[in-house]
Amino acid sequence: MPNKRSNDSSGADLKILHQTLPPIIARKDVQLYLGGLISSGYLANLDSQGRGPKSIKSGRRVAYLRGDLISWLETWLQV
């Protein structure tokens, strides 16, 4: 289950991410695109517990599809 975060944002606030994020985001770059909100280490920990966003892998590299990351963020932020 995602962390419980309180946020005054609405789902509309995250819609801008659909326009600004690239289609595929490497886990190591997520914190850059989200202003440091979530670190790659935190995502790695969540992924190992099966609680992170749906991921794709290429060798040892992990990435997220834009839509999967945003959907997970909406739940994580309780938007």
PDB file of N, CA and C in Angstrom:
ATOM      1  N   MET A   1       0.842  -1.176   0.000  1.00  0.00           N
ATOM      2  CA  MET A   1       0.000   0.000   0.000  1.00  0.00           C
ATOM      3  C   MET A   1       0.888   1.241   0.000  1.00  0.00           C
ATOM      4  N   PRO A   2       0.553   2.260  -0.791  1.00  0.00           N
ATOM      5  CA  PRO A   2       1.368   3.464  -0.868  1.00  0.00           C
ATOM      6  C   PRO A   2       1.381   4.215   0.455  1.00  0.00           C
ATOM      7  N   ASN A   3       2.401   5.049   0.613  1.00  0.00           N
ATOM      8  CA  ASN A   3       2.457   5.917   1.783  1.00  0.00           C
ATOM      9  C   ASN A   3       1.261   6.840   1.783  1.00  0.00           C
ATOM     10  N   LYS A   4       0.785   7.169   2.953  1.00  0.00           N
ATOM     11  CA  LYS A   4      -0.333   8.095   3.069  1.00  0.00           C
ATOM     12  C   LYS A   4       0.217   9.509   3.123  1.00  0.00           C
ATOM     13  N   ARG A   5      -0.067  10.283   2.132  1.00  0.00           N
ATOM     14  CA  ARG A   5       0.384  11.673   2.067  1.00  0.00           C
ATOM     15  C   ARG A   5      -0.844  12.557   1.959  1.00  0.00           C
ATOM     16  N   SER A   6      -0.835  13.659   2.642  1.00  0.00           N
ATOM     17  CA  SER A   6      -1.925  14.610   2.470  1.00  0.00           C
ATOM     18  C   SER A   6      -1.472  15.676   1.497  1.00  0.00           C
ATOM     19  N   ASN A   7      -2.374  16.072   0.651  1.00  0.00           N
ATOM     20  CA  ASN A   7      -2.029  17.029  -0.386  1.00  0.00           C
ATOM     21  C   ASN A   7      -3.286  17.791  -0.760  1.00  0.00           C
ATOM     22  N   ASP A   8      -3.159  19.085  -0.918  1.00  0.00           N
ATOM     23  CA  ASP A   8      -4.296  19.908  -1.303  1.00  0.00           C
ATOM     24  C   ASP A   8      -4.480  19.957  -2.811  1.00  0.00           C
ATOM     25  N   SER A   9      -3.633  19.247  -3.555  1.00  0.00           N
ATOM     26  CA  SER A   9      -3.709  19.262  -5.015  1.00  0.00           C
ATOM     27  C   SER A   9      -4.895  18.451  -5.491  1.00  0.00           C
ATOM     28  N   SER A  10      -5.305  18.729  -6.696  1.00  0.00           N
ATOM     29  CA  SER A  10      -6.336  17.924  -7.330  1.00  0.00           C
ATOM     30  C   SER A  10      -5.690  17.136  -8.455  1.00  0.00           C
ATOM     31  N   GLY A  11      -6.416  16.169  -8.990  1.00  0.00           N
ATOM     32  CA  GLY A  11      -5.904  15.382 -10.100  1.00  0.00           C
ATOM     33  C   GLY A  11      -5.527  16.247 -11.285  1.00  0.00           C
ATOM     34  N   ALA A  12      -6.179  17.391 -11.410  1.00  0.00           N
ATOM     35  CA  ALA A  12      -5.875  18.296 -12.521  1.00  0.00           C
ATOM     36  C   ALA A  12      -4.443  18.806 -12.437  1.00  0.00           C
ATOM     37  N   ASP A  13      -3.917  18.925 -11.223  1.00  0.00           N
ATOM     38  CA  ASP A  13      -2.550  19.412 -11.061  1.00  0.00           C
ATOM     39  C   ASP A  13      -1.531  18.454 -11.665  1.00  0.00           C
ATOM     40  N   LEU A  14      -1.833  17.174 -11.650  1.00  0.00           N
ATOM     41  CA  LEU A  14      -0.907  16.193 -12.202  1.00  0.00           C
ATOM     42  C   LEU A  14      -1.043  16.050 -13.713  1.00  0.00           C
ATOM     43  N   LYS A  15      -2.088  16.599 -14.287  1.00  0.00           N
ATOM     44  CA  LYS A  15      -2.273  16.486 -15.738  1.00  0.00           C
ATOM     45  C   LYS A  15      -1.126  17.132 -16.505  1.00  0.00           C
ATOM     46  N   ILE A  16      -0.523  18.138 -15.925  1.00  0.00           N
ATOM     47  CA  ILE A  16       0.601  18.787 -16.603  1.00  0.00           C
ATOM     48  C   ILE A  16       1.759  17.810 -16.794  1.00  0.00           C
ATOM     49  N   LEU A  17       1.857  16.813 -15.929  1.00  0.00           N
ATOM     50  CA  LEU A  17       2.922  15.815 -16.077  1.00  0.00           C
ATOM     51  C   LEU A  17       2.773  15.034 -17.379  1.00  0.00           C
ATOM     52  N   HIS A  18       1.544  14.833 -17.834  1.00  0.00           N
ATOM     53  CA  HIS A  18       1.330  14.136 -19.113  1.00  0.00           C
ATOM     54  C   HIS A  18       1.956  14.922 -20.259  1.00  0.00           C
ATOM     55  N   GLN A  19       2.030  16.232 -20.113  1.00  0.00           N
ATOM     56  CA  GLN A  19       2.592  17.081 -21.163  1.00  0.00           C
ATOM     57  C   GLN A  19       4.095  17.281 -21.007  1.00  0.00           C
ATOM     58  N   THR A  20       4.601  17.210 -19.776  1.00  0.00           N
ATOM     59  CA  THR A  20       6.002  17.557 -19.550  1.00  0.00           C
ATOM     60  C   THR A  20       6.943  16.369 -19.393  1.00  0.00           C
ATOM     61  N   LEU A  21       6.437  15.239 -18.937  1.00  0.00           N
ATOM     62  CA  LEU A  21       7.312  14.070 -18.768  1.00  0.00           C
ATOM     63  C   LEU A  21       7.546  13.373 -20.102  1.00  0.00           C
ATOM     64  N   PRO A  22       8.725  12.807 -20.298  1.00  0.00           N
ATOM     65  CA  PRO A  22       8.957  12.007 -21.504  1.00  0.00           C
ATOM     66  C   PRO A  22       8.157  10.705 -21.411  1.00  0.00           C
ATOM     67  N   PRO A  23       7.957  10.013 -22.525  1.00  0.00           N
ATOM     68  CA  PRO A  23       7.162   8.776 -22.513  1.00  0.00           C
ATOM     69  C   PRO A  23       7.742   7.686 -21.614  1.00  0.00           C
ATOM     70  N   ILE A  24       9.066   7.626 -21.500  1.00  0.00           N
ATOM     71  CA  ILE A  24       9.735   6.653 -20.639  1.00  0.00           C
ATOM     72  C   ILE A  24      10.719   7.420 -19.763  1.00  0.00           C
ATOM     73  N   ILE A  25      10.653   7.168 -18.445  1.00  0.00           N
ATOM     74  CA  ILE A  25      11.510   7.880 -17.501  1.00  0.00           C
ATOM     75  C   ILE A  25      12.363   6.862 -16.756  1.00  0.00           C
ATOM     76  N   ALA A  26      13.675   6.996 -16.849  1.00  0.00           N
ATOM     77  CA  ALA A  26      14.575   6.124 -16.097  1.00  0.00           C
ATOM     78  C   ALA A  26      14.393   6.399 -14.606  1.00  0.00           C
ATOM     79  N   ARG A  27      14.465   5.335 -13.815  1.00  0.00           N
ATOM     80  CA  ARG A  27      14.288   5.512 -12.369  1.00  0.00           C
ATOM     81  C   ARG A  27      15.269   6.546 -11.816  1.00  0.00           C
ATOM     82  N   LYS A  28      16.498   6.537 -12.316  1.00  0.00           N
ATOM     83  CA  LYS A  28      17.503   7.476 -11.808  1.00  0.00           C
ATOM     84  C   LYS A  28      17.156   8.928 -12.135  1.00  0.00           C
ATOM     85  N   ASP A  29      16.261   9.158 -13.099  1.00  0.00           N
ATOM     86  CA  ASP A  29      15.894  10.518 -13.503  1.00  0.00           C
ATOM     87  C   ASP A  29      14.576  11.007 -12.911  1.00  0.00           C
ATOM     88  N   VAL A  30      13.831  10.131 -12.261  1.00  0.00           N
ATOM     89  CA  VAL A  30      12.523  10.523 -11.734  1.00  0.00           C
ATOM     90  C   VAL A  30      12.645  11.709 -10.786  1.00  0.00           C
ATOM     91  N   GLN A  31      13.636  11.683  -9.909  1.00  0.00           N
ATOM     92  CA  GLN A  31      13.751  12.785  -8.948  1.00  0.00           C
ATOM     93  C   GLN A  31      14.035  14.111  -9.631  1.00  0.00           C
ATOM     94  N   LEU A  32      14.696  14.091 -10.782  1.00  0.00           N
ATOM     95  CA  LEU A  32      14.943  15.327 -11.525  1.00  0.00           C
ATOM     96  C   LEU A  32      13.643  15.898 -12.078  1.00  0.00           C
ATOM     97  N   TYR A  33      12.815  15.016 -12.655  1.00  0.00           N
ATOM     98  CA  TYR A  33      11.560  15.464 -13.253  1.00  0.00           C
ATOM     99  C   TYR A  33      10.525  15.875 -12.211  1.00  0.00           C
ATOM    100  N   LEU A  34      10.636  15.315 -11.000  1.00  0.00           N
ATOM    101  CA  LEU A  34       9.651  15.613  -9.961  1.00  0.00           C
ATOM    102  C   LEU A  34      10.192  16.561  -8.898  1.00  0.00           C
ATOM    103  N   GLY A  35      11.259  17.254  -9.218  1.00  0.00           N
ATOM    104  CA  GLY A  35      11.800  18.252  -8.304  1.00  0.00           C
ATOM    105  C   GLY A  35      12.327  17.687  -7.000  1.00  0.00           C
ATOM    106  N   GLY A  36      12.814  16.457  -7.026  1.00  0.00           N
ATOM    107  CA  GLY A  36      13.373  15.843  -5.829  1.00  0.00           C
ATOM    108  C   GLY A  36      12.341  15.264  -4.884  1.00  0.00           C
ATOM    109  N   LEU A  37      11.079  15.245  -5.285  1.00  0.00           N
ATOM    110  CA  LEU A  37      10.005  14.737  -4.432  1.00  0.00           C
ATOM    111  C   LEU A  37      10.225  13.280  -4.033  1.00  0.00           C
ATOM    112  N   ILE A  38      10.713  12.481  -4.977  1.00  0.00           N
ATOM    113  CA  ILE A  38      10.927  11.051  -4.741  1.00  0.00           C
ATOM    114  C   ILE A  38      12.314  10.702  -5.249  1.00  0.00           C
ATOM    115  N   SER A  39      13.117  10.069  -4.417  1.00  0.00           N
ATOM    116  CA  SER A  39      14.472   9.698  -4.833  1.00  0.00           C
ATOM    117  C   SER A  39      14.465   8.349  -5.542  1.00  0.00           C
ATOM    118  N   SER A  40      15.495   8.116  -6.322  1.00  0.00           N
ATOM    119  CA  SER A  40      15.614   6.834  -7.021  1.00  0.00           C
ATOM    120  C   SER A  40      15.796   5.699  -6.019  1.00  0.00           C
ATOM    121  N   GLY A  41      16.478   5.955  -4.916  1.00  0.00           N
ATOM    122  CA  GLY A  41      16.648   4.932  -3.882  1.00  0.00           C
ATOM    123  C   GLY A  41      15.332   4.539  -3.242  1.00  0.00           C
ATOM    124  N   TYR A  42      14.483   5.527  -2.989  1.00  0.00           N
ATOM    125  CA  TYR A  42      13.169   5.247  -2.418  1.00  0.00           C
ATOM    126  C   TYR A  42      12.336   4.416  -3.392  1.00  0.00           C
ATOM    127  N   LEU A  43      12.380   4.782  -4.671  1.00  0.00           N
ATOM    128  CA  LEU A  43      11.655   4.005  -5.676  1.00  0.00           C
ATOM    129  C   LEU A  43      12.195   2.579  -5.766  1.00  0.00           C
ATOM    130  N   ALA A  44      13.514   2.421  -5.678  1.00  0.00           N
ATOM    131  CA  ALA A  44      14.107   1.081  -5.716  1.00  0.00           C
ATOM    132  C   ALA A  44      13.605   0.249  -4.539  1.00  0.00           C
ATOM    133  N   ASN A  45      13.534   0.856  -3.361  1.00  0.00           N
ATOM    134  CA  ASN A  45      13.015   0.143  -2.194  1.00  0.00           C
ATOM    135  C   ASN A  45      11.557  -0.254  -2.393  1.00  0.00           C
ATOM    136  N   LEU A  46      10.743   0.673  -2.885  1.00  0.00           N
ATOM    137  CA  LEU A  46       9.335   0.362  -3.129  1.00  0.00           C
ATOM    138  C   LEU A  46       9.189  -0.730  -4.179  1.00  0.00           C
ATOM    139  N   ASP A  47      10.006  -0.655  -5.232  1.00  0.00           N
ATOM    140  CA  ASP A  47       9.954  -1.676  -6.282  1.00  0.00           C
ATOM    141  C   ASP A  47      10.277  -3.054  -5.710  1.00  0.00           C
ATOM    142  N   SER A  48      11.258  -3.129  -4.820  1.00  0.00           N
ATOM    143  CA  SER A  48      11.643  -4.422  -4.252  1.00  0.00           C
ATOM    144  C   SER A  48      10.545  -5.002  -3.367  1.00  0.00           C
ATOM    145  N   GLN A  49       9.670  -4.137  -2.868  1.00  0.00           N
ATOM    146  CA  GLN A  49       8.547  -4.567  -2.034  1.00  0.00           C
ATOM    147  C   GLN A  49       7.266  -4.753  -2.848  1.00  0.00           C
ATOM    148  N   GLY A  50       7.338  -4.468  -4.151  1.00  0.00           N
ATOM    149  CA  GLY A  50       6.151  -4.563  -4.993  1.00  0.00           C
ATOM    150  C   GLY A  50       5.173  -3.421  -4.772  1.00  0.00           C
ATOM    151  N   ARG A  51       5.643  -2.297  -4.241  1.00  0.00           N
ATOM    152  CA  ARG A  51       4.766  -1.171  -3.931  1.00  0.00           C
ATOM    153  C   ARG A  51       5.012   0.042  -4.815  1.00  0.00           C
ATOM    154  N   GLY A  52       5.964  -0.037  -5.726  1.00  0.00           N
ATOM    155  CA  GLY A  52       6.285   1.085  -6.598  1.00  0.00           C
ATOM    156  C   GLY A  52       5.428   1.084  -7.849  1.00  0.00           C
ATOM    157  N   PRO A  53       5.664   2.051  -8.727  1.00  0.00           N
ATOM    158  CA  PRO A  53       4.943   2.073 -10.000  1.00  0.00           C
ATOM    159  C   PRO A  53       5.338   0.868 -10.852  1.00  0.00           C
ATOM    160  N   LYS A  54       4.468   0.489 -11.753  1.00  0.00           N
ATOM    161  CA  LYS A  54       4.788  -0.590 -12.689  1.00  0.00           C
ATOM    162  C   LYS A  54       6.040  -0.176 -13.459  1.00  0.00           C
ATOM    163  N   SER A  55       7.002  -1.083 -13.533  1.00  0.00           N
ATOM    164  CA  SER A  55       8.281  -0.725 -14.151  1.00  0.00           C
ATOM    165  C   SER A  55       8.592  -1.595 -15.361  1.00  0.00           C
ATOM    166  N   ILE A  56       9.523  -1.110 -16.157  1.00  0.00           N
ATOM    167  CA  ILE A  56      10.066  -1.881 -17.273  1.00  0.00           C
ATOM    168  C   ILE A  56      11.571  -1.960 -17.060  1.00  0.00           C
ATOM    169  N   LYS A  57      12.174  -3.017 -17.551  1.00  0.00           N
ATOM    170  CA  LYS A  57      13.608  -3.215 -17.333  1.00  0.00           C
ATOM    171  C   LYS A  57      14.317  -3.464 -18.644  1.00  0.00           C
ATOM    172  N   SER A  58      15.534  -2.953 -18.713  1.00  0.00           N
ATOM    173  CA  SER A  58      16.441  -3.221 -19.824  1.00  0.00           C
ATOM    174  C   SER A  58      17.783  -3.537 -19.186  1.00  0.00           C
ATOM    175  N   GLY A  59      18.096  -4.816 -19.112  1.00  0.00           N
ATOM    176  CA  GLY A  59      19.294  -5.217 -18.383  1.00  0.00           C
ATOM    177  C   GLY A  59      19.095  -4.908 -16.911  1.00  0.00           C
ATOM    178  N   ARG A  60      20.012  -4.128 -16.354  1.00  0.00           N
ATOM    179  CA  ARG A  60      19.908  -3.743 -14.945  1.00  0.00           C
ATOM    180  C   ARG A  60      19.215  -2.400 -14.755  1.00  0.00           C
ATOM    181  N   ARG A  61      18.878  -1.748 -15.846  1.00  0.00           N
ATOM    182  CA  ARG A  61      18.241  -0.431 -15.758  1.00  0.00           C
ATOM    183  C   ARG A  61      16.733  -0.578 -15.617  1.00  0.00           C
ATOM    184  N   VAL A  62      16.169   0.297 -14.818  1.00  0.00           N
ATOM    185  CA  VAL A  62      14.730   0.289 -14.557  1.00  0.00           C
ATOM    186  C   VAL A  62      14.155   1.626 -15.000  1.00  0.00           C
ATOM    187  N   ALA A  63      12.988   1.566 -15.616  1.00  0.00           N
ATOM    188  CA  ALA A  63      12.313   2.783 -16.071  1.00  0.00           C
ATOM    189  C   ALA A  63      10.812   2.617 -15.871  1.00  0.00           C
ATOM    190  N   TYR A  64      10.112   3.716 -16.046  1.00  0.00           N
ATOM    191  CA  TYR A  64       8.662   3.731 -15.892  1.00  0.00           C
ATOM    192  C   TYR A  64       8.040   4.395 -17.111  1.00  0.00           C
ATOM    193  N   LEU A  65       6.921   3.860 -17.541  1.00  0.00           N
ATOM    194  CA  LEU A  65       6.140   4.534 -18.571  1.00  0.00           C
ATOM    195  C   LEU A  65       5.448   5.727 -17.913  1.00  0.00           C
ATOM    196  N   ARG A  66       5.358   6.805 -18.636  1.00  0.00           N
ATOM    197  CA  ARG A  66       4.776   8.048 -18.117  1.00  0.00           C
ATOM    198  C   ARG A  66       3.423   7.803 -17.440  1.00  0.00           C
ATOM    199  N   GLY A  67       2.522   7.134 -18.113  1.00  0.00           N
ATOM    200  CA  GLY A  67       1.184   6.907 -17.562  1.00  0.00           C
ATOM    201  C   GLY A  67       1.196   6.086 -16.286  1.00  0.00           C
ATOM    202  N   ASP A  68       2.060   5.059 -16.241  1.00  0.00           N
ATOM    203  CA  ASP A  68       2.158   4.228 -15.036  1.00  0.00           C
ATOM    204  C   ASP A  68       2.699   5.028 -13.859  1.00  0.00           C
ATOM    205  N   LEU A  69       3.690   5.867 -14.109  1.00  0.00           N
ATOM    206  CA  LEU A  69       4.268   6.682 -13.037  1.00  0.00           C
ATOM    207  C   LEU A  69       3.244   7.691 -12.518  1.00  0.00           C
ATOM    208  N   ILE A  70       2.528   8.335 -13.421  1.00  0.00           N
ATOM    209  CA  ILE A  70       1.540   9.336 -13.009  1.00  0.00           C
ATOM    210  C   ILE A  70       0.392   8.684 -12.247  1.00  0.00           C
ATOM    211  N   SER A  71      -0.067   7.527 -12.708  1.00  0.00           N
ATOM    212  CA  SER A  71      -1.136   6.814 -11.994  1.00  0.00           C
ATOM    213  C   SER A  71      -0.703   6.455 -10.579  1.00  0.00           C
ATOM    214  N   TRP A  72       0.537   5.966 -10.458  1.00  0.00           N
ATOM    215  CA  TRP A  72       1.059   5.616  -9.139  1.00  0.00           C
ATOM    216  C   TRP A  72       1.180   6.865  -8.269  1.00  0.00           C
ATOM    217  N   LEU A  73       1.648   7.972  -8.850  1.00  0.00           N
ATOM    218  CA  LEU A  73       1.773   9.225  -8.097  1.00  0.00           C
ATOM    219  C   LEU A  73       0.423   9.698  -7.566  1.00  0.00           C
ATOM    220  N   GLU A  74      -0.613   9.557  -8.376  1.00  0.00           N
ATOM    221  CA  GLU A  74      -1.947   9.977  -7.945  1.00  0.00           C
ATOM    222  C   GLU A  74      -2.369   9.217  -6.700  1.00  0.00           C
ATOM    223  N   THR A  75      -2.067   7.924  -6.663  1.00  0.00           N
ATOM    224  CA  THR A  75      -2.389   7.113  -5.492  1.00  0.00           C
ATOM    225  C   THR A  75      -1.480   7.474  -4.322  1.00  0.00           C
ATOM    226  N   TRP A  76      -0.192   7.592  -4.585  1.00  0.00           N
ATOM    227  CA  TRP A  76       0.799   7.872  -3.543  1.00  0.00           C
ATOM    228  C   TRP A  76       0.534   9.216  -2.878  1.00  0.00           C
ATOM    229  N   LEU A  77       0.122  10.186  -3.678  1.00  0.00           N
ATOM    230  CA  LEU A  77      -0.162  11.524  -3.160  1.00  0.00           C
ATOM    231  C   LEU A  77      -1.601  11.671  -2.688  1.00  0.00           C
ATOM    232  N   GLN A  78      -2.403  10.633  -2.885  1.00  0.00           N
ATOM    233  CA  GLN A  78      -3.832  10.650  -2.557  1.00  0.00           C
ATOM    234  C   GLN A  78      -4.548  11.807  -3.230  1.00  0.00           C
ATOM    235  N   VAL A  79      -4.313  11.951  -4.530  1.00  0.00           N
ATOM    236  CA  VAL A  79      -4.948  13.027  -5.293  1.00  0.00           C
ATOM    237  C   VAL A  79      -6.298  12.559  -5.769  1.00  0.00           C
TER     238      VAL A  79
END
